[in-house]
Structures are given as structure tokens and as C-alpha cells.
Amino acid sequence: MTKETMKTYLIVHEDDTERKITVPDSWKVTFGPAAAGNFKSNSPRNSLRMPLALRFYENEKQQRAIFTDVVSFRDMSIITEVKRIDVQEKEGFMECEGKRKATTFRTEVSEWVNPDDDGEKRLPFGGDVENFDVEFKEVD
């Protein structure tokens, strides 16, 4: 008996909930209005909207699942990356021409990360000298 290859999909719903579903690779997947018909969601007189649905079929006559209010989905084998920006701010004082001035120093580090990676991989921030090219002194 041969083991069937499986495929995992990530489904995002209108309320921002996410769901993963794993089905046999041979199953058919469709995406569209939850019900067929002449429903016109763009009509100004009609405030109702037909939810979008993701359907899984084992074969032509056997629908196995339907998920409604779906805004997007993807095969998890497609690798995606999102840009993440980490910001670090530090308040301190600088002396300029004999006058002490309050200031806020800010640094940003951006990186592309795979949102599907389980491990939290963040770029390490350096110290004050590395980030701001200044050394802070404690103020009483």
C-alpha cells in the first residue's frame, strides 16, 4: 500500500484567525462564493455580501470540507517572507557647547523573516555605542 503525499494549506479568515489544514495532495481545491447564483455583491441596493469559501474535494462527487469567510489561502510549501522592523529608542542627554540637552536616540533594524518558522529569530541589537555612536551616562 502506497502512502499518499499530503499538502498543508494556511487559511486566513475575515476575523484574522488562521487555520492550517492538511489534505491529500490529490484533492481538488476551489475558492469562490459560498453559494452559486445571481447574487451581486457590488449592487448599491444590496448591503448583503456573499462570503468567500474554500472547498476541498476528494473527487468530483465527494466534497470533504468547506471553510467560509476566507480572505486568503496558500499552500504552505510556498515560502513567504515578511519585512519586520525592530525599533529601539533610548532617552538621554547630550552636552553641546557646555549645555546639557535632553534627546531621544532611535535605531531601526529591518529584516525579512519567514512567518512560518517556529523559532523566533531576531537580529540582536548592539549596545549604545554600536547603535547610536554615543556612550550614555546615568543621570541622577
N, C-alpha and C. Protein backbone atom coordinates (compact mmCIF):
# COMPACT_ATOMS: atom_id res chain seq x y z
N MET A 1 0.84 -1.19 0.00
CA MET A 1 0.00 0.00 0.00
C MET A 1 0.88 1.25 0.00
N THR A 2 0.64 2.15 -0.93
CA THR A 2 1.43 3.37 -1.03
C THR A 2 0.87 4.46 -0.14
N LYS A 3 1.78 5.17 0.46
CA LYS A 3 1.37 6.27 1.32
C LYS A 3 1.16 7.51 0.45
N GLU A 4 0.00 8.15 0.59
CA GLU A 4 -0.33 9.30 -0.23
C GLU A 4 0.40 10.54 0.27
N THR A 5 0.86 11.36 -0.66
CA THR A 5 1.51 12.62 -0.32
C THR A 5 0.46 13.59 0.20
N MET A 6 0.81 14.31 1.27
CA MET A 6 -0.12 15.26 1.87
C MET A 6 0.34 16.69 1.57
N LYS A 7 -0.62 17.61 1.60
CA LYS A 7 -0.34 19.03 1.38
C LYS A 7 -1.03 19.83 2.47
N THR A 8 -0.32 20.82 3.02
CA THR A 8 -0.87 21.67 4.08
C THR A 8 -1.16 23.06 3.52
N TYR A 9 -2.35 23.56 3.85
CA TYR A 9 -2.77 24.89 3.43
C TYR A 9 -2.92 25.78 4.66
N LEU A 10 -2.56 27.05 4.50
CA LEU A 10 -2.81 28.06 5.53
C LEU A 10 -4.00 28.87 5.04
N ILE A 11 -5.03 28.95 5.88
CA ILE A 11 -6.25 29.68 5.54
C ILE A 11 -6.38 30.87 6.49
N VAL A 12 -6.64 32.05 5.93
CA VAL A 12 -6.85 33.25 6.74
C VAL A 12 -8.31 33.67 6.56
N HIS A 13 -9.00 33.83 7.70
CA HIS A 13 -10.42 34.21 7.70
C HIS A 13 -10.57 35.72 7.88
N GLU A 14 -11.79 36.22 7.61
CA GLU A 14 -12.07 37.66 7.72
C GLU A 14 -11.77 38.22 9.11
N ASP A 15 -11.95 37.42 10.15
CA ASP A 15 -11.69 37.90 11.51
C ASP A 15 -10.22 37.76 11.91
N ASP A 16 -9.36 37.53 10.92
CA ASP A 16 -7.90 37.40 11.09
C ASP A 16 -7.47 36.11 11.78
N THR A 17 -8.39 35.18 12.02
CA THR A 17 -7.96 33.90 12.54
C THR A 17 -7.31 33.11 11.40
N GLU A 18 -6.36 32.28 11.78
CA GLU A 18 -5.66 31.45 10.81
C GLU A 18 -5.88 30.00 11.15
N ARG A 19 -5.88 29.17 10.12
CA ARG A 19 -6.10 27.74 10.30
C ARG A 19 -5.21 27.01 9.31
N LYS A 20 -4.63 25.91 9.75
CA LYS A 20 -3.88 25.03 8.85
C LYS A 20 -4.70 23.78 8.63
N ILE A 21 -4.74 23.33 7.39
CA ILE A 21 -5.44 22.08 7.09
C ILE A 21 -4.52 21.27 6.18
N THR A 22 -4.41 19.99 6.49
CA THR A 22 -3.57 19.07 5.70
C THR A 22 -4.48 18.05 5.05
N VAL A 23 -4.38 17.95 3.73
CA VAL A 23 -5.22 17.05 2.95
C VAL A 23 -4.33 16.30 1.96
N PRO A 24 -4.84 15.19 1.42
CA PRO A 24 -4.06 14.50 0.39
C PRO A 24 -3.79 15.43 -0.80
N ASP A 25 -2.62 15.30 -1.36
CA ASP A 25 -2.18 16.12 -2.48
C ASP A 25 -3.10 15.99 -3.70
N SER A 26 -3.78 14.88 -3.80
CA SER A 26 -4.65 14.63 -4.96
C SER A 26 -5.99 15.34 -4.88
N TRP A 27 -6.35 15.88 -3.71
CA TRP A 27 -7.64 16.53 -3.58
C TRP A 27 -7.68 17.83 -4.37
N LYS A 28 -8.86 18.12 -4.92
CA LYS A 28 -9.11 19.34 -5.67
C LYS A 28 -9.49 20.45 -4.68
N VAL A 29 -9.01 21.66 -4.94
CA VAL A 29 -9.30 22.81 -4.09
C VAL A 29 -9.94 23.88 -4.96
N THR A 30 -11.05 24.47 -4.48
CA THR A 30 -11.68 25.59 -5.19
C THR A 30 -11.89 26.74 -4.22
N PHE A 31 -11.94 27.96 -4.78
CA PHE A 31 -12.13 29.16 -3.98
C PHE A 31 -13.12 30.05 -4.71
N GLY A 32 -14.15 30.52 -4.02
CA GLY A 32 -15.14 31.39 -4.64
C GLY A 32 -16.30 31.63 -3.70
N PRO A 33 -17.40 32.21 -4.21
CA PRO A 33 -18.58 32.48 -3.37
C PRO A 33 -19.09 31.20 -2.71
N ALA A 34 -19.60 31.34 -1.50
CA ALA A 34 -20.08 30.17 -0.77
C ALA A 34 -21.29 29.53 -1.44
N ALA A 35 -22.08 30.31 -2.17
CA ALA A 35 -23.24 29.77 -2.88
C ALA A 35 -23.26 30.32 -4.29
N ALA A 36 -23.61 29.48 -5.24
CA ALA A 36 -23.69 29.91 -6.64
C ALA A 36 -25.01 30.64 -6.87
N GLY A 37 -25.05 31.46 -7.90
CA GLY A 37 -26.30 32.15 -8.23
C GLY A 37 -26.05 33.53 -8.76
N ASN A 38 -27.13 34.31 -8.82
CA ASN A 38 -27.05 35.65 -9.38
C ASN A 38 -26.86 36.71 -8.31
N PHE A 39 -26.24 36.39 -7.24
CA PHE A 39 -26.02 37.33 -6.15
C PHE A 39 -25.02 38.38 -6.60
N LYS A 40 -25.39 39.68 -6.49
CA LYS A 40 -24.49 40.75 -6.91
C LYS A 40 -24.05 41.52 -5.66
N SER A 41 -22.82 41.27 -5.24
CA SER A 41 -22.33 41.92 -4.03
C SER A 41 -21.99 43.38 -4.26
N ASN A 42 -21.83 43.82 -5.53
CA ASN A 42 -21.47 45.21 -5.81
C ASN A 42 -22.69 46.11 -5.95
N SER A 43 -23.88 45.55 -5.85
CA SER A 43 -25.10 46.33 -6.01
C SER A 43 -25.25 47.30 -4.84
N PRO A 44 -25.46 48.62 -5.12
CA PRO A 44 -25.62 49.59 -4.02
C PRO A 44 -26.89 49.34 -3.21
N ARG A 45 -27.90 48.70 -3.82
CA ARG A 45 -29.14 48.43 -3.08
C ARG A 45 -29.02 47.23 -2.18
N ASN A 46 -28.02 46.43 -2.41
CA ASN A 46 -27.89 45.18 -1.66
C ASN A 46 -26.71 45.28 -0.70
N SER A 47 -26.99 45.40 0.59
CA SER A 47 -25.91 45.53 1.56
C SER A 47 -25.36 44.16 1.99
N LEU A 48 -26.02 43.10 1.57
CA LEU A 48 -25.53 41.77 1.90
C LEU A 48 -24.33 41.42 1.05
N ARG A 49 -23.48 40.56 1.56
CA ARG A 49 -22.30 40.15 0.83
C ARG A 49 -22.16 38.64 0.95
N MET A 50 -21.91 38.01 -0.17
CA MET A 50 -21.74 36.56 -0.16
C MET A 50 -20.33 36.23 0.36
N PRO A 51 -20.22 35.41 1.41
CA PRO A 51 -18.89 35.07 1.92
C PRO A 51 -18.14 34.21 0.90
N LEU A 52 -16.83 34.37 0.88
CA LEU A 52 -15.99 33.53 0.03
C LEU A 52 -15.67 32.24 0.77
N ALA A 53 -15.57 31.16 0.02
CA ALA A 53 -15.37 29.86 0.63
C ALA A 53 -14.23 29.11 -0.06
N LEU A 54 -13.55 28.31 0.73
CA LEU A 54 -12.51 27.41 0.23
C LEU A 54 -13.06 26.01 0.40
N ARG A 55 -13.09 25.25 -0.70
CA ARG A 55 -13.65 23.90 -0.68
C ARG A 55 -12.58 22.88 -1.02
N PHE A 56 -12.70 21.71 -0.41
CA PHE A 56 -11.81 20.59 -0.69
C PHE A 56 -12.66 19.42 -1.16
N TYR A 57 -12.26 18.83 -2.28
CA TYR A 57 -12.97 17.69 -2.86
C TYR A 57 -12.03 16.50 -2.97
N GLU A 58 -12.51 15.35 -2.48
CA GLU A 58 -11.73 14.12 -2.64
C GLU A 58 -11.79 13.67 -4.10
N ASN A 59 -12.97 13.82 -4.71
CA ASN A 59 -13.15 13.54 -6.14
C ASN A 59 -14.31 14.42 -6.62
N GLU A 60 -14.74 14.26 -7.87
CA GLU A 60 -15.76 15.13 -8.44
C GLU A 60 -17.07 15.14 -7.66
N LYS A 61 -17.42 14.04 -7.04
CA LYS A 61 -18.72 13.93 -6.36
C LYS A 61 -18.63 13.97 -4.84
N GLN A 62 -17.42 14.08 -4.31
CA GLN A 62 -17.28 13.98 -2.86
C GLN A 62 -16.55 15.20 -2.29
N GLN A 63 -17.37 16.20 -1.91
CA GLN A 63 -16.80 17.37 -1.23
C GLN A 63 -16.50 16.97 0.20
N ARG A 64 -15.30 17.27 0.68
CA ARG A 64 -14.89 16.84 2.01
C ARG A 64 -14.91 17.96 3.04
N ALA A 65 -14.74 19.23 2.60
CA ALA A 65 -14.72 20.33 3.57
C ALA A 65 -15.03 21.64 2.85
N ILE A 66 -15.63 22.56 3.61
CA ILE A 66 -15.84 23.93 3.13
C ILE A 66 -15.55 24.87 4.29
N PHE A 67 -14.76 25.90 4.02
CA PHE A 67 -14.43 26.92 5.00
C PHE A 67 -14.91 28.25 4.45
N THR A 68 -15.74 28.96 5.22
CA THR A 68 -16.31 30.21 4.74
C THR A 68 -15.59 31.41 5.36
N ASP A 69 -15.92 32.60 4.85
CA ASP A 69 -15.30 33.85 5.30
C ASP A 69 -13.78 33.81 5.14
N VAL A 70 -13.33 33.21 4.04
CA VAL A 70 -11.91 33.09 3.75
C VAL A 70 -11.47 34.31 2.94
N VAL A 71 -10.40 34.97 3.39
CA VAL A 71 -9.87 36.10 2.62
C VAL A 71 -8.63 35.70 1.82
N SER A 72 -7.91 34.69 2.29
CA SER A 72 -6.75 34.22 1.54
C SER A 72 -6.39 32.81 1.99
N PHE A 73 -5.64 32.14 1.12
CA PHE A 73 -5.11 30.83 1.46
C PHE A 73 -3.86 30.60 0.63
N ARG A 74 -3.01 29.68 1.09
CA ARG A 74 -1.84 29.30 0.31
C ARG A 74 -1.36 27.92 0.71
N ASP A 75 -0.71 27.30 -0.21
CA ASP A 75 -0.02 26.04 0.02
C ASP A 75 1.21 26.38 0.87
N MET A 76 1.36 25.72 2.01
CA MET A 76 2.44 26.02 2.94
C MET A 76 3.82 25.70 2.39
N SER A 77 3.89 24.95 1.29
CA SER A 77 5.20 24.68 0.70
C SER A 77 5.73 25.91 -0.04
N ILE A 78 4.87 26.89 -0.26
CA ILE A 78 5.31 28.16 -0.85
C ILE A 78 5.92 28.98 0.28
N ILE A 79 7.19 29.27 0.15
CA ILE A 79 7.89 30.01 1.20
C ILE A 79 7.64 31.49 1.01
N THR A 80 7.20 32.14 2.07
CA THR A 80 6.97 33.58 2.04
C THR A 80 7.83 34.24 3.10
N GLU A 81 8.11 35.50 2.91
CA GLU A 81 8.84 36.27 3.91
C GLU A 81 8.15 37.62 4.07
N VAL A 82 8.15 38.12 5.30
CA VAL A 82 7.59 39.43 5.58
C VAL A 82 8.69 40.31 6.16
N LYS A 83 8.58 41.59 5.90
CA LYS A 83 9.59 42.52 6.41
C LYS A 83 9.21 42.91 7.83
N ARG A 84 10.15 42.72 8.74
CA ARG A 84 9.92 43.10 10.14
C ARG A 84 10.92 44.19 10.49
N ILE A 85 10.42 45.23 11.13
CA ILE A 85 11.28 46.34 11.54
C ILE A 85 11.27 46.39 13.06
N ASP A 86 12.45 46.27 13.64
CA ASP A 86 12.61 46.40 15.09
C ASP A 86 13.15 47.79 15.38
N VAL A 87 12.52 48.46 16.34
CA VAL A 87 12.90 49.82 16.69
C VAL A 87 13.37 49.83 18.13
N GLN A 88 14.46 50.55 18.37
CA GLN A 88 14.95 50.72 19.74
C GLN A 88 15.14 52.21 19.97
N GLU A 89 14.58 52.69 21.08
CA GLU A 89 14.73 54.10 21.43
C GLU A 89 15.32 54.20 22.82
N LYS A 90 16.10 55.25 23.01
CA LYS A 90 16.68 55.48 24.33
C LYS A 90 16.73 56.97 24.56
N GLU A 91 16.27 57.39 25.74
CA GLU A 91 16.31 58.80 26.09
C GLU A 91 17.58 59.06 26.88
N GLY A 92 18.16 60.21 26.65
CA GLY A 92 19.38 60.57 27.36
C GLY A 92 19.66 62.04 27.22
N PHE A 93 20.86 62.40 27.56
CA PHE A 93 21.28 63.79 27.50
C PHE A 93 22.57 63.88 26.70
N MET A 94 22.73 64.99 26.01
CA MET A 94 23.97 65.29 25.31
C MET A 94 24.47 66.64 25.79
N GLU A 95 25.76 66.77 25.79
CA GLU A 95 26.33 68.08 26.11
C GLU A 95 26.83 68.69 24.82
N CYS A 96 26.38 69.91 24.59
CA CYS A 96 26.74 70.62 23.37
C CYS A 96 27.13 72.05 23.76
N GLU A 97 28.33 72.42 23.51
CA GLU A 97 28.80 73.76 23.82
C GLU A 97 28.53 74.12 25.27
N GLY A 98 28.77 73.17 26.15
CA GLY A 98 28.61 73.40 27.57
C GLY A 98 27.18 73.36 28.07
N LYS A 99 26.22 73.07 27.19
CA LYS A 99 24.82 72.99 27.61
C LYS A 99 24.34 71.56 27.50
N ARG A 100 23.59 71.15 28.49
CA ARG A 100 23.05 69.79 28.53
C ARG A 100 21.66 69.79 27.90
N LYS A 101 21.47 68.92 26.91
CA LYS A 101 20.19 68.89 26.21
C LYS A 101 19.63 67.47 26.24
N ALA A 102 18.33 67.38 26.56
CA ALA A 102 17.64 66.08 26.55
C ALA A 102 17.42 65.68 25.09
N THR A 103 17.59 64.41 24.81
CA THR A 103 17.38 63.93 23.45
C THR A 103 16.93 62.48 23.46
N THR A 104 16.34 62.06 22.36
CA THR A 104 15.96 60.66 22.20
C THR A 104 16.73 60.11 21.01
N PHE A 105 17.41 59.01 21.24
CA PHE A 105 18.14 58.34 20.18
C PHE A 105 17.31 57.17 19.71
N ARG A 106 17.30 56.94 18.40
CA ARG A 106 16.47 55.88 17.84
C ARG A 106 17.27 55.13 16.77
N THR A 107 17.11 53.81 16.77
CA THR A 107 17.72 53.00 15.72
C THR A 107 16.69 51.98 15.24
N GLU A 108 16.77 51.65 13.96
CA GLU A 108 15.86 50.66 13.37
C GLU A 108 16.69 49.60 12.67
N VAL A 109 16.24 48.36 12.80
CA VAL A 109 16.85 47.24 12.09
C VAL A 109 15.73 46.52 11.37
N SER A 110 15.88 46.34 10.06
CA SER A 110 14.84 45.61 9.32
C SER A 110 15.43 44.31 8.79
N GLU A 111 14.57 43.32 8.71
CA GLU A 111 14.98 42.02 8.19
C GLU A 111 13.77 41.31 7.60
N TRP A 112 14.03 40.41 6.66
CA TRP A 112 12.98 39.58 6.07
C TRP A 112 12.94 38.28 6.86
N VAL A 113 11.75 37.91 7.34
CA VAL A 113 11.60 36.69 8.12
C VAL A 113 10.49 35.82 7.54
N ASN A 114 10.64 34.54 7.69
CA ASN A 114 9.62 33.58 7.26
C ASN A 114 8.62 33.44 8.41
N PRO A 115 7.37 33.87 8.23
CA PRO A 115 6.41 33.81 9.32
C PRO A 115 6.05 32.38 9.73
N ASP A 116 6.40 31.40 8.90
CA ASP A 116 6.10 30.01 9.22
C ASP A 116 7.17 29.35 10.09
N ASP A 117 8.33 30.01 10.24
CA ASP A 117 9.38 29.44 11.10
C ASP A 117 8.91 29.46 12.54
N ASP A 118 9.11 28.36 13.22
CA ASP A 118 8.69 28.27 14.61
C ASP A 118 9.59 29.07 15.54
N GLY A 119 10.89 29.06 15.26
CA GLY A 119 11.83 29.75 16.14
C GLY A 119 11.77 31.24 15.95
N GLU A 120 11.87 31.97 17.02
CA GLU A 120 11.87 33.42 16.98
C GLU A 120 13.31 33.86 16.72
N LYS A 121 13.59 34.25 15.50
CA LYS A 121 14.95 34.66 15.14
C LYS A 121 14.95 36.17 14.98
N ARG A 122 15.58 36.84 15.91
CA ARG A 122 15.64 38.30 15.85
C ARG A 122 17.09 38.72 15.78
N LEU A 123 17.31 39.78 15.04
CA LEU A 123 18.65 40.33 14.99
C LEU A 123 18.96 40.96 16.35
N PRO A 124 20.14 40.68 16.88
CA PRO A 124 20.47 41.27 18.18
C PRO A 124 20.80 42.75 18.01
N PHE A 125 20.27 43.54 18.92
CA PHE A 125 20.64 44.95 18.95
C PHE A 125 21.97 45.05 19.67
N GLY A 126 22.80 45.96 19.21
CA GLY A 126 24.06 46.20 19.88
C GLY A 126 23.84 47.10 21.08
N GLY A 127 24.92 47.54 21.66
CA GLY A 127 24.83 48.45 22.80
C GLY A 127 24.68 49.88 22.30
N ASP A 128 24.76 50.83 23.23
CA ASP A 128 24.59 52.23 22.89
C ASP A 128 25.63 52.70 21.88
N VAL A 129 26.88 52.31 22.09
CA VAL A 129 27.94 52.77 21.20
C VAL A 129 27.72 52.23 19.79
N GLU A 130 27.36 50.93 19.67
CA GLU A 130 27.15 50.33 18.35
C GLU A 130 25.94 50.94 17.63
N ASN A 131 24.85 51.17 18.37
CA ASN A 131 23.62 51.66 17.75
C ASN A 131 23.61 53.16 17.53
N PHE A 132 24.11 53.91 18.50
CA PHE A 132 23.94 55.35 18.45
C PHE A 132 25.26 56.11 18.32
N ASP A 133 26.36 55.41 18.30
CA ASP A 133 27.68 56.02 18.24
C ASP A 133 27.86 57.04 19.36
N VAL A 134 27.34 56.70 20.53
CA VAL A 134 27.46 57.58 21.69
C VAL A 134 27.39 56.71 22.94
N GLU A 135 28.05 57.12 23.96
CA GLU A 135 28.01 56.37 25.21
C GLU A 135 27.14 57.16 26.19
N PHE A 136 26.13 56.49 26.78
CA PHE A 136 25.22 57.14 27.71
C PHE A 136 25.77 57.06 29.11
N LYS A 137 25.51 58.10 29.87
CA LYS A 137 25.90 58.12 31.27
C LYS A 137 24.63 58.21 32.10
N GLU A 138 24.62 57.51 33.20
CA GLU A 138 23.45 57.57 34.09
C GLU A 138 23.29 58.96 34.64
N VAL A 139 22.05 59.42 34.74
CA VAL A 139 21.75 60.77 35.24
C VAL A 139 21.04 60.62 36.57
N ASP A 140 21.48 61.39 37.55
CA ASP A 140 20.82 61.33 38.87
C ASP A 140 19.59 62.18 38.89
